Amino acid sequence: MDVLDLTRLQFAVVTIYHYFFVPLSISLAATAAGLHIAWLRTGRETYRDLTKFVGKLLIVTFAVGVVTGLVQEFQFGMGWSNFARFYGDVFGPTLAIEGMLAFFLEATFLALWYFGWERLPRRLHAATIVVVAVGTVLSAFIILAANSFMQNPVGYSLDPVTGRARLDDFGALLLNKVNLAAFPHTLSGALMAGGSLLLAVGAWRLRAAGEAAFRTLARLGAWLTVVGGALTAVTGDHLGKVITEVQPMKMAAAEALYATTAGAPFSVFAVGDPGGGKPFLSIEIPRLLSILAKGTPGATVQGIDDLQAQYAAQFGPGSYVPMIPVAFWSFRLMIGIGMLAAAVAAYYLWSTRRDRRTHPLLLRLLPLIPLLPAAANSLGWIFTETARQPWLAFGISRVADGISPGLTRGEVVGSLVGFAVVYGVLAVVWLRLIRHLARQPLAPEHAPAEQTDRVPAPVY
């Protein structure tokens, strides 16, 4: 691997690891806010205890996510200084706003919520966790706007003197059609990630101790996973059509479709040569790719060969074909693994209806279910980024143009090993903390319920 490949690998490791915690933070914050509001409305102590429990999971996950996010931004400057120099005017506002949201809004109000129990008025206290939930969603929207610029550059111009990209319309950057399609898709995947974690913890604790409150937590997590799976399918369908419009090569690569085809089929399984050539064995669903790409069974989908010729004429000589096996299989595995997670959660809901008990084997396997949405989310980002190659920002500059000048293989390998060690330690710490929290009694030591209920907190 040359320096460029190593730097791309390093950025992939940093980004994918960071993204393990982003959807968890989004969904756990929303769940904690929902449980807190449910407690205020019903007065049920179970909701209060579950709110505190989910909040602790959120704090641990949020802390690790912030640390890994800092490393990601550091890696921009270290490995991709030309990228930062060229697109700094465009990315600067988004990264600054996201940093303000993450470090000041989310972190401050999360601390107020955690330390505000029995100190703040109840409605004001609940408002703090709602602000955290809203902050995580806004943070995701801002970062996705920056990424969507790389998929579909809008709201910019090239400075004639410096040659750098200059932001002309911040609103256009935020309302990029790719961002408006990717944002709900990302939130849907976040629901699956957080829901599966709550399902795993609740089912594991229910099997170990039989606490009724954890049955509520497990079923809540299962519902979040199922609903998130359904929304992911709907939003993913819309996102696929937008991607076909702005990056037709990406959708062609997802199917390994070499020839422009009307009524294009979708391959459930295909085998081709290791170099990414045309598949010689394929199990296809007729016309499905045309439906996914353009919404009608007979629509024409451009093929890889025609698009390569078009781009070579438009942008100059060179290969504009991404790694077909990576695009093809990451796309299918993303869909298949996500469907599997939703199916397992749906089966759990069905098997535990009307206070029934699920099969012991399923309970033993459920602690592993968070791996499924995590894998599906990661594969989604792998497809999104690798199938855009060779472009750094589509149609403007290539990935090779963004690497820092003067980087050596030794520097990249050394930093990659360092990141891997730090991330390995963080992974162990996070897992041990989650396991520790899952083993703790749901209701912490507090005053008896009849005593606390006699002293109502002030409500403003």
Protein backbone atom coordinates (compact mmCIF):
# COMPACT_ATOMS: atom_id res chain seq x y z
CA MET A 1 0.00 0.00 0.00
CA ASP A 2 1.28 3.45 -0.87
CA VAL A 3 0.92 6.56 1.27
CA LEU A 4 -2.44 7.47 -0.23
CA ASP A 5 -3.92 4.03 0.42
CA LEU A 6 -2.57 3.99 3.98
CA THR A 7 -3.97 7.45 4.68
CA ARG A 8 -7.35 6.43 3.32
CA LEU A 9 -7.25 3.32 5.51
CA GLN A 10 -6.37 5.43 8.52
CA PHE A 11 -9.25 7.81 7.90
CA ALA A 12 -11.62 4.88 7.39
CA VAL A 13 -10.59 3.34 10.72
CA VAL A 14 -10.96 6.65 12.57
CA THR A 15 -14.32 7.50 10.99
CA ILE A 16 -15.96 4.09 11.28
CA TYR A 17 -14.87 3.70 14.90
CA HIS A 18 -16.23 7.14 15.75
CA TYR A 19 -19.48 6.31 14.03
CA PHE A 20 -20.07 3.32 16.32
CA PHE A 21 -20.97 5.83 19.04
CA VAL A 22 -22.75 8.58 17.08
CA PRO A 23 -26.03 6.73 16.37
CA LEU A 24 -26.03 5.33 19.90
CA SER A 25 -25.75 8.84 21.36
CA ILE A 26 -28.57 10.13 19.15
CA SER A 27 -30.99 7.33 19.97
CA LEU A 28 -30.12 7.04 23.68
CA ALA A 29 -30.61 10.80 24.15
CA ALA A 30 -34.02 10.66 22.46
CA THR A 31 -35.01 7.58 24.48
CA ALA A 32 -33.94 9.13 27.78
CA ALA A 33 -35.93 12.26 26.93
CA GLY A 34 -38.98 10.21 26.01
CA LEU A 35 -38.81 8.14 29.20
CA HIS A 36 -38.35 11.26 31.31
CA ILE A 37 -41.44 12.88 29.80
CA ALA A 38 -43.37 9.62 30.26
CA TRP A 39 -42.43 9.65 33.96
CA LEU A 40 -43.63 13.25 34.34
CA ARG A 41 -46.95 12.43 32.69
CA THR A 42 -47.66 9.11 34.44
CA GLY A 43 -45.70 9.28 37.69
CA ARG A 44 -44.63 5.64 37.27
CA GLU A 45 -41.38 4.95 39.10
CA THR A 46 -40.40 2.39 36.46
CA TYR A 47 -40.09 5.16 33.90
CA ARG A 48 -38.01 7.26 36.30
CA ASP A 49 -35.61 4.38 36.97
CA LEU A 50 -35.35 3.51 33.29
CA THR A 51 -34.68 7.18 32.50
CA LYS A 52 -31.72 7.22 34.88
CA PHE A 53 -30.46 3.90 33.55
CA VAL A 54 -30.60 4.94 29.89
CA GLY A 55 -29.07 8.29 30.82
CA LYS A 56 -26.03 6.55 32.30
CA LEU A 57 -25.59 4.54 29.10
CA LEU A 58 -25.82 7.82 27.19
CA ILE A 59 -23.17 9.56 29.30
CA VAL A 60 -20.64 6.76 28.81
CA THR A 61 -21.33 6.58 25.07
CA PHE A 62 -21.31 10.36 24.62
CA ALA A 63 -17.95 10.69 26.38
CA VAL A 64 -16.27 8.11 24.15
CA GLY A 65 -17.92 9.62 21.06
CA VAL A 66 -16.54 13.07 21.86
CA VAL A 67 -13.00 11.71 22.28
CA THR A 68 -13.11 9.78 19.01
CA GLY A 69 -14.62 12.79 17.24
CA LEU A 70 -11.69 14.94 18.33
CA VAL A 71 -9.28 12.39 16.86
CA GLN A 72 -11.23 12.46 13.61
CA GLU A 73 -10.88 16.23 13.28
CA PHE A 74 -7.20 15.98 14.23
CA GLN A 75 -6.75 13.44 11.43
CA PHE A 76 -8.14 15.97 8.92
CA GLY A 77 -5.21 18.27 9.53
CA MET A 78 -2.61 15.54 9.88
CA GLY A 79 -3.38 13.40 6.83
CA TRP A 80 -5.52 15.64 4.64
CA SER A 81 -4.14 19.16 4.91
CA ASN A 82 -4.63 19.87 1.20
CA PHE A 83 -8.26 18.87 1.60
CA ALA A 84 -8.61 21.16 4.63
CA ARG A 85 -6.84 24.00 2.80
CA PHE A 86 -8.97 23.73 -0.33
CA TYR A 87 -12.36 23.22 1.40
CA GLY A 88 -11.69 25.05 4.65
CA ASP A 89 -14.06 27.91 3.83
CA VAL A 90 -16.87 25.42 3.18
CA PHE A 91 -16.23 22.97 6.01
CA GLY A 92 -15.12 25.52 8.60
CA PRO A 93 -18.61 26.82 9.51
CA THR A 94 -20.10 23.33 9.73
CA LEU A 95 -17.32 21.97 11.95
CA ALA A 96 -17.42 25.08 14.16
CA ILE A 97 -21.19 24.87 14.64
CA GLU A 98 -21.06 21.13 15.28
CA GLY A 99 -18.30 21.66 17.82
CA MET A 100 -20.35 24.29 19.61
CA LEU A 101 -23.33 21.96 19.69
CA ALA A 102 -21.37 18.94 20.89
CA PHE A 103 -19.14 20.59 23.47
CA PHE A 104 -21.27 23.42 24.76
CA LEU A 105 -24.93 22.63 24.16
CA GLU A 106 -25.01 18.85 24.51
CA ALA A 107 -22.29 18.45 27.13
CA THR A 108 -23.52 21.34 29.28
CA PHE A 109 -27.16 20.29 29.31
CA LEU A 110 -26.26 16.65 29.80
CA ALA A 111 -24.35 17.64 32.93
CA LEU A 112 -27.28 19.79 34.09
CA TRP A 113 -29.61 16.84 33.61
CA TYR A 114 -27.38 14.34 35.40
CA PHE A 115 -26.71 16.55 38.41
CA GLY A 116 -30.14 18.18 38.38
CA TRP A 117 -32.11 15.34 39.93
CA GLU A 118 -33.86 16.63 43.07
CA ARG A 119 -32.21 20.04 42.45
CA LEU A 120 -34.02 21.50 39.45
CA PRO A 121 -37.79 21.92 39.07
CA ARG A 122 -39.19 18.85 37.38
CA ARG A 123 -40.24 20.42 34.08
CA LEU A 124 -37.04 22.45 33.81
CA HIS A 125 -35.06 19.31 34.58
CA ALA A 126 -36.86 17.37 31.86
CA ALA A 127 -36.20 20.21 29.44
CA THR A 128 -32.43 19.75 29.86
CA ILE A 129 -32.47 16.19 28.47
CA VAL A 130 -34.80 17.31 25.66
CA VAL A 131 -32.20 19.96 24.73
CA VAL A 132 -29.53 17.23 24.67
CA ALA A 133 -31.67 15.10 22.34
CA VAL A 134 -32.33 18.04 20.03
CA GLY A 135 -28.62 18.94 20.12
CA THR A 136 -27.55 15.46 18.98
CA VAL A 137 -29.98 15.63 16.06
CA LEU A 138 -28.81 19.11 15.03
CA SER A 139 -25.19 18.01 15.31
CA ALA A 140 -25.88 15.08 12.98
CA PHE A 141 -27.64 17.36 10.49
CA ILE A 142 -24.71 19.81 10.38
CA ILE A 143 -22.08 17.11 9.88
CA LEU A 144 -24.17 15.39 7.23
CA ALA A 145 -24.40 18.72 5.41
CA ALA A 146 -20.60 18.78 5.20
CA ASN A 147 -20.47 15.19 3.96
CA SER A 148 -23.28 15.82 1.47
CA PHE A 149 -21.17 18.56 -0.10
CA MET A 150 -18.64 15.87 -0.98
CA GLN A 151 -21.40 13.83 -2.64
CA ASN A 152 -23.12 16.78 -4.37
CA PRO A 153 -21.23 20.10 -4.16
CA VAL A 154 -23.60 23.08 -3.89
CA GLY A 155 -23.53 26.65 -2.58
CA TYR A 156 -19.89 27.32 -3.47
CA SER A 157 -17.65 28.93 -6.04
CA LEU A 158 -13.96 28.60 -6.84
CA ASP A 159 -11.89 31.64 -5.93
CA PRO A 160 -10.13 32.79 -9.14
CA VAL A 161 -7.06 33.94 -7.20
CA THR A 162 -6.47 31.18 -4.67
CA GLY A 163 -8.29 28.39 -6.49
CA ARG A 164 -9.95 27.40 -3.20
CA ALA A 165 -13.61 26.54 -2.75
CA ARG A 166 -15.50 29.48 -1.24
CA LEU A 167 -18.86 29.14 0.51
CA ASP A 168 -21.43 31.42 -1.11
CA ASP A 169 -24.71 30.12 0.31
CA PHE A 170 -24.75 28.43 3.74
CA GLY A 171 -28.48 27.72 3.37
CA ALA A 172 -27.88 25.85 0.12
CA LEU A 173 -25.18 23.81 1.87
CA LEU A 174 -27.59 22.82 4.64
CA LEU A 175 -30.51 22.14 2.29
CA ASN A 176 -28.48 20.06 -0.15
CA LYS A 177 -30.84 17.43 -1.60
CA VAL A 178 -28.41 14.70 -0.54
CA ASN A 179 -28.42 15.99 3.03
CA LEU A 180 -32.22 16.16 3.15
CA ALA A 181 -32.33 12.52 2.03
CA ALA A 182 -29.40 11.22 4.09
CA PHE A 183 -30.44 12.88 7.36
CA PRO A 184 -33.67 10.90 7.99
CA HIS A 185 -31.91 7.74 6.79
CA THR A 186 -29.15 8.30 9.34
CA LEU A 187 -31.64 8.94 12.16
CA SER A 188 -33.49 5.75 11.25
CA GLY A 189 -30.26 3.78 11.49
CA ALA A 190 -29.58 5.45 14.83
CA LEU A 191 -32.93 4.21 16.15
CA MET A 192 -31.92 0.67 15.23
CA ALA A 193 -28.52 1.02 16.90
CA GLY A 194 -29.82 2.39 20.20
CA GLY A 195 -32.87 0.14 20.21
CA SER A 196 -30.78 -2.98 19.74
CA LEU A 197 -28.50 -1.98 22.63
CA LEU A 198 -31.50 -1.49 24.94
CA LEU A 199 -32.98 -4.78 23.72
CA ALA A 200 -29.74 -6.61 24.42
CA VAL A 201 -29.27 -5.13 27.89
CA GLY A 202 -32.92 -5.56 28.85
CA ALA A 203 -33.15 -9.16 27.65
CA TRP A 204 -29.84 -10.09 29.28
CA ARG A 205 -30.86 -8.56 32.60
CA LEU A 206 -34.33 -10.11 32.39
CA ARG A 207 -32.78 -13.54 31.87
CA ALA A 208 -30.30 -13.00 34.72
CA ALA A 209 -32.55 -11.42 37.36
CA GLY A 210 -36.10 -11.47 36.03
CA GLU A 211 -36.77 -7.80 36.87
CA ALA A 212 -40.05 -6.69 35.30
CA ALA A 213 -38.74 -3.22 34.47
CA PHE A 214 -36.13 -4.74 32.19
CA ARG A 215 -38.88 -6.48 30.25
CA THR A 216 -40.24 -2.99 29.56
CA LEU A 217 -36.75 -1.86 28.50
CA ALA A 218 -36.25 -4.87 26.23
CA ARG A 219 -39.59 -4.45 24.50
CA LEU A 220 -38.98 -0.71 24.11
CA GLY A 221 -35.62 -1.49 22.51
CA ALA A 222 -37.26 -4.04 20.22
CA TRP A 223 -39.91 -1.53 19.12
CA LEU A 224 -37.23 1.06 18.39
CA THR A 225 -35.31 -1.48 16.32
CA VAL A 226 -38.37 -2.55 14.32
CA VAL A 227 -39.60 1.01 13.72
CA GLY A 228 -36.06 2.11 12.87
CA GLY A 229 -35.76 -0.77 10.41
CA ALA A 230 -38.99 0.18 8.65
CA LEU A 231 -38.00 3.85 8.46
CA THR A 232 -34.53 2.90 7.22
CA ALA A 233 -36.08 1.01 4.32
CA VAL A 234 -38.37 3.91 3.38
CA THR A 235 -35.72 6.62 3.71
CA GLY A 236 -33.11 4.44 2.03
CA ASP A 237 -35.37 4.05 -0.99
CA HIS A 238 -35.61 7.84 -1.31
CA LEU A 239 -31.87 8.29 -0.76
CA GLY A 240 -31.11 5.75 -3.48
CA LYS A 241 -33.11 7.77 -6.00
CA VAL A 242 -31.31 10.99 -5.03
CA ILE A 243 -27.92 9.28 -5.30
CA THR A 244 -28.84 7.95 -8.74
CA GLU A 245 -29.58 11.52 -9.81
CA VAL A 246 -26.35 13.11 -8.54
CA GLN A 247 -23.93 10.12 -8.64
CA PRO A 248 -25.17 7.58 -11.20
CA MET A 249 -21.85 5.74 -11.11
CA LYS A 250 -22.43 4.89 -7.44
CA MET A 251 -25.74 3.15 -8.12
CA ALA A 252 -24.30 1.38 -11.16
CA ALA A 253 -21.42 0.13 -9.00
CA ALA A 254 -23.87 -1.04 -6.33
CA GLU A 255 -25.35 -3.42 -8.91
CA ALA A 256 -22.19 -4.05 -10.95
CA LEU A 257 -24.28 -2.90 -13.93
CA TYR A 258 -21.85 -2.43 -16.81
CA ALA A 259 -24.28 -1.87 -19.67
CA THR A 260 -26.99 0.81 -19.69
CA THR A 261 -30.24 -1.11 -19.19
CA ALA A 262 -33.95 -0.38 -19.33
CA GLY A 263 -35.84 -2.32 -16.69
CA ALA A 264 -32.59 -3.13 -14.90
CA PRO A 265 -32.65 -6.11 -12.51
CA PHE A 266 -31.24 -6.22 -8.98
CA SER A 267 -28.84 -9.03 -8.13
CA VAL A 268 -29.39 -10.72 -4.79
CA PHE A 269 -26.15 -12.63 -5.31
CA ALA A 270 -23.46 -12.43 -7.98
CA VAL A 271 -20.01 -13.86 -8.65
CA GLY A 272 -17.39 -12.18 -10.84
CA ASP A 273 -13.63 -12.23 -11.22
CA PRO A 274 -11.53 -10.93 -8.26
CA GLY A 275 -10.56 -7.83 -10.22
CA GLY A 276 -14.11 -6.56 -10.24
CA GLY A 277 -15.09 -7.61 -13.75
CA LYS A 278 -18.56 -8.40 -15.02
CA PRO A 279 -20.35 -11.10 -12.98
CA PHE A 280 -20.61 -14.51 -14.65
CA LEU A 281 -23.19 -15.89 -12.19
CA SER A 282 -26.04 -13.78 -10.87
CA ILE A 283 -29.38 -14.37 -9.10
CA GLU A 284 -31.56 -11.45 -10.11
CA ILE A 285 -34.92 -9.87 -9.28
CA PRO A 286 -36.25 -8.45 -12.56
CA ARG A 287 -36.64 -4.65 -12.85
CA LEU A 288 -35.95 -4.04 -9.15
CA LEU A 289 -32.88 -1.84 -9.73
CA SER A 290 -34.92 0.45 -11.99
CA ILE A 291 -37.51 0.75 -9.22
CA LEU A 292 -34.85 1.46 -6.59
CA ALA A 293 -32.98 3.93 -8.78
CA LYS A 294 -35.79 5.82 -10.50
CA GLY A 295 -39.10 4.58 -9.13
CA THR A 296 -40.50 2.88 -12.25
CA PRO A 297 -39.97 -0.72 -13.45
CA GLY A 298 -39.05 0.24 -17.00
CA ALA A 299 -36.67 3.12 -16.22
CA THR A 300 -33.27 3.19 -17.86
CA VAL A 301 -30.28 2.94 -15.53
CA GLN A 302 -26.89 4.05 -16.85
CA GLY A 303 -24.16 1.42 -16.84
CA ILE A 304 -20.55 1.60 -15.71
CA ASP A 305 -19.07 1.47 -19.22
CA ASP A 306 -21.14 4.37 -20.54
CA LEU A 307 -20.54 6.45 -17.42
CA GLN A 308 -16.78 5.83 -17.59
CA ALA A 309 -16.72 7.08 -21.19
CA GLN A 310 -18.87 10.09 -20.25
CA TYR A 311 -16.65 11.07 -17.31
CA ALA A 312 -13.44 10.57 -19.29
CA ALA A 313 -14.75 12.98 -21.91
CA GLN A 314 -15.98 15.45 -19.28
CA PHE A 315 -13.15 15.39 -16.72
CA GLY A 316 -10.18 14.04 -18.64
CA PRO A 317 -8.45 10.68 -18.96
CA GLY A 318 -8.43 8.28 -16.02
CA SER A 319 -10.54 5.65 -14.31
CA TYR A 320 -13.75 6.83 -12.67
CA VAL A 321 -14.89 3.35 -11.67
CA PRO A 322 -14.86 2.61 -7.92
CA MET A 323 -13.99 -0.77 -6.42
CA ILE A 324 -16.94 -2.78 -7.72
CA PRO A 325 -16.76 -5.74 -5.28
CA VAL A 326 -16.67 -3.38 -2.29
CA ALA A 327 -19.62 -1.33 -3.56
CA PHE A 328 -21.60 -4.39 -4.59
CA TRP A 329 -21.25 -6.37 -1.37
CA SER A 330 -21.30 -3.49 1.12
CA PHE A 331 -24.63 -2.40 -0.39
CA ARG A 332 -26.17 -5.87 -0.06
CA LEU A 333 -24.73 -6.65 3.34
CA MET A 334 -25.97 -3.29 4.64
CA ILE A 335 -29.51 -4.14 3.56
CA GLY A 336 -29.41 -7.79 4.62
CA ILE A 337 -27.90 -7.25 8.06
CA GLY A 338 -30.28 -4.38 8.79
CA MET A 339 -33.27 -6.53 7.81
CA LEU A 340 -31.98 -9.34 10.02
CA ALA A 341 -31.75 -7.03 13.04
CA ALA A 342 -35.32 -5.79 12.51
CA ALA A 343 -36.56 -9.36 12.02
CA VAL A 344 -34.96 -10.56 15.27
CA ALA A 345 -36.48 -7.63 17.17
CA ALA A 346 -39.90 -8.28 15.62
CA TYR A 347 -39.70 -11.94 16.60
CA TYR A 348 -38.84 -10.94 20.16
CA LEU A 349 -41.91 -8.70 20.31
CA TRP A 350 -44.10 -11.49 18.95
CA SER A 351 -42.69 -14.11 21.32
CA THR A 352 -43.09 -11.92 24.43
CA ARG A 353 -46.61 -10.61 23.76
CA ARG A 354 -49.17 -10.94 26.57
CA ASP A 355 -46.46 -11.56 29.17
CA ARG A 356 -45.19 -14.68 27.43
CA ARG A 357 -41.57 -15.74 27.76
CA THR A 358 -39.35 -16.04 24.75
CA HIS A 359 -37.21 -19.02 23.84
CA PRO A 360 -34.12 -19.41 26.09
CA LEU A 361 -31.82 -19.73 23.06
CA LEU A 362 -32.98 -16.35 21.72
CA LEU A 363 -32.35 -14.76 25.10
CA ARG A 364 -28.79 -16.10 25.05
CA LEU A 365 -28.17 -14.69 21.58
CA LEU A 366 -29.85 -11.29 22.04
CA PRO A 367 -26.82 -9.70 23.77
CA LEU A 368 -25.13 -9.93 20.36
CA ILE A 369 -27.85 -8.08 18.43
CA PRO A 370 -26.18 -4.62 18.73
CA LEU A 371 -23.50 -5.95 16.39
CA LEU A 372 -26.03 -6.12 13.55
CA PRO A 373 -27.05 -2.42 13.32
CA ALA A 374 -23.44 -1.41 14.03
CA ALA A 375 -22.31 -3.51 11.07
CA ALA A 376 -25.13 -2.23 8.84
CA ASN A 377 -24.35 1.42 9.69
CA SER A 378 -20.65 0.89 9.05
CA LEU A 379 -21.27 -0.85 5.74
CA GLY A 380 -23.54 2.00 4.73
CA TRP A 381 -20.74 4.50 5.24
CA ILE A 382 -18.24 2.23 3.49
CA PHE A 383 -20.54 2.11 0.48
CA THR A 384 -21.22 5.85 0.57
CA GLU A 385 -17.55 6.82 0.65
CA THR A 386 -15.82 4.14 -1.42
CA ALA A 387 -18.39 4.16 -4.23
CA ARG A 388 -17.75 7.90 -4.66
CA GLN A 389 -14.14 7.24 -5.62
CA PRO A 390 -12.00 8.57 -7.14
CA TRP A 391 -13.65 11.85 -6.13
CA LEU A 392 -12.95 13.76 -2.95
CA ALA A 393 -15.77 16.17 -3.81
CA PHE A 394 -17.70 14.84 -6.75
CA GLY A 395 -16.69 16.49 -10.00
CA ILE A 396 -14.30 19.00 -8.38
CA SER A 397 -11.23 17.25 -7.00
CA ARG A 398 -9.96 13.73 -6.55
CA VAL A 399 -8.94 11.95 -3.37
CA ALA A 400 -5.27 12.02 -4.36
CA ASP A 401 -5.44 15.85 -4.42
CA GLY A 402 -6.39 16.11 -0.74
CA ILE A 403 -3.57 14.24 0.96
CA SER A 404 -1.00 16.15 3.03
CA PRO A 405 2.24 16.78 1.14
CA GLY A 406 5.39 15.21 2.53
CA LEU A 407 3.69 12.33 4.35
CA THR A 408 5.76 9.16 4.57
CA ARG A 409 4.67 5.57 4.94
CA GLY A 410 6.34 5.39 8.34
CA GLU A 411 4.43 8.41 9.65
CA VAL A 412 1.08 7.08 8.49
CA VAL A 413 1.73 3.53 9.74
CA GLY A 414 2.97 4.82 13.10
CA SER A 415 -0.04 7.07 13.64
CA LEU A 416 -2.41 4.33 12.46
CA VAL A 417 -0.95 1.91 15.01
CA GLY A 418 -1.23 4.59 17.68
CA PHE A 419 -4.88 5.27 16.84
CA ALA A 420 -5.61 1.55 16.82
CA VAL A 421 -4.11 1.11 20.28
CA VAL A 422 -5.99 4.08 21.73
CA TYR A 423 -9.24 2.96 20.13
CA GLY A 424 -8.71 -0.58 21.38
CA VAL A 425 -8.35 0.73 24.93
CA LEU A 426 -11.44 2.92 24.53
CA ALA A 427 -13.42 -0.05 23.23
CA VAL A 428 -12.50 -2.14 26.26
CA VAL A 429 -13.33 0.73 28.61
CA TRP A 430 -16.70 1.36 26.97
CA LEU A 431 -17.68 -2.31 26.99
CA ARG A 432 -16.67 -2.75 30.62
CA LEU A 433 -18.58 0.36 31.68
CA ILE A 434 -21.71 -0.73 29.78
CA ARG A 435 -21.45 -4.18 31.32
CA HIS A 436 -20.94 -2.65 34.77
CA LEU A 437 -24.00 -0.42 34.38
CA ALA A 438 -26.09 -3.32 33.10
CA ARG A 439 -25.31 -5.27 36.26
CA GLN A 440 -26.28 -2.51 38.65
CA PRO A 441 -29.69 -2.45 40.40
CA LEU A 442 -32.13 -0.53 38.26
CA ALA A 443 -33.34 1.73 41.10
CA PRO A 444 -30.41 3.35 42.94
CA GLU A 445 -30.52 4.03 46.63
CA HIS A 446 -32.99 6.86 47.23
CA ALA A 447 -35.57 7.90 49.70
CA PRO A 448 -38.66 5.68 49.99
CA ALA A 449 -41.29 6.43 47.38
CA GLU A 450 -43.98 7.35 49.88
CA GLN A 451 -41.69 9.94 51.46
CA THR A 452 -40.56 11.57 48.20
CA ASP A 453 -44.08 11.63 46.82
CA ARG A 454 -45.29 13.66 49.81
CA VAL A 455 -42.91 16.50 48.95
CA PRO A 456 -43.79 17.64 45.45
CA ALA A 457 -41.08 19.44 43.59
CA PRO A 458 -41.90 22.97 42.43
CA VAL A 459 -43.20 23.16 38.89
CA TYR A 460 -42.78 26.29 36.80
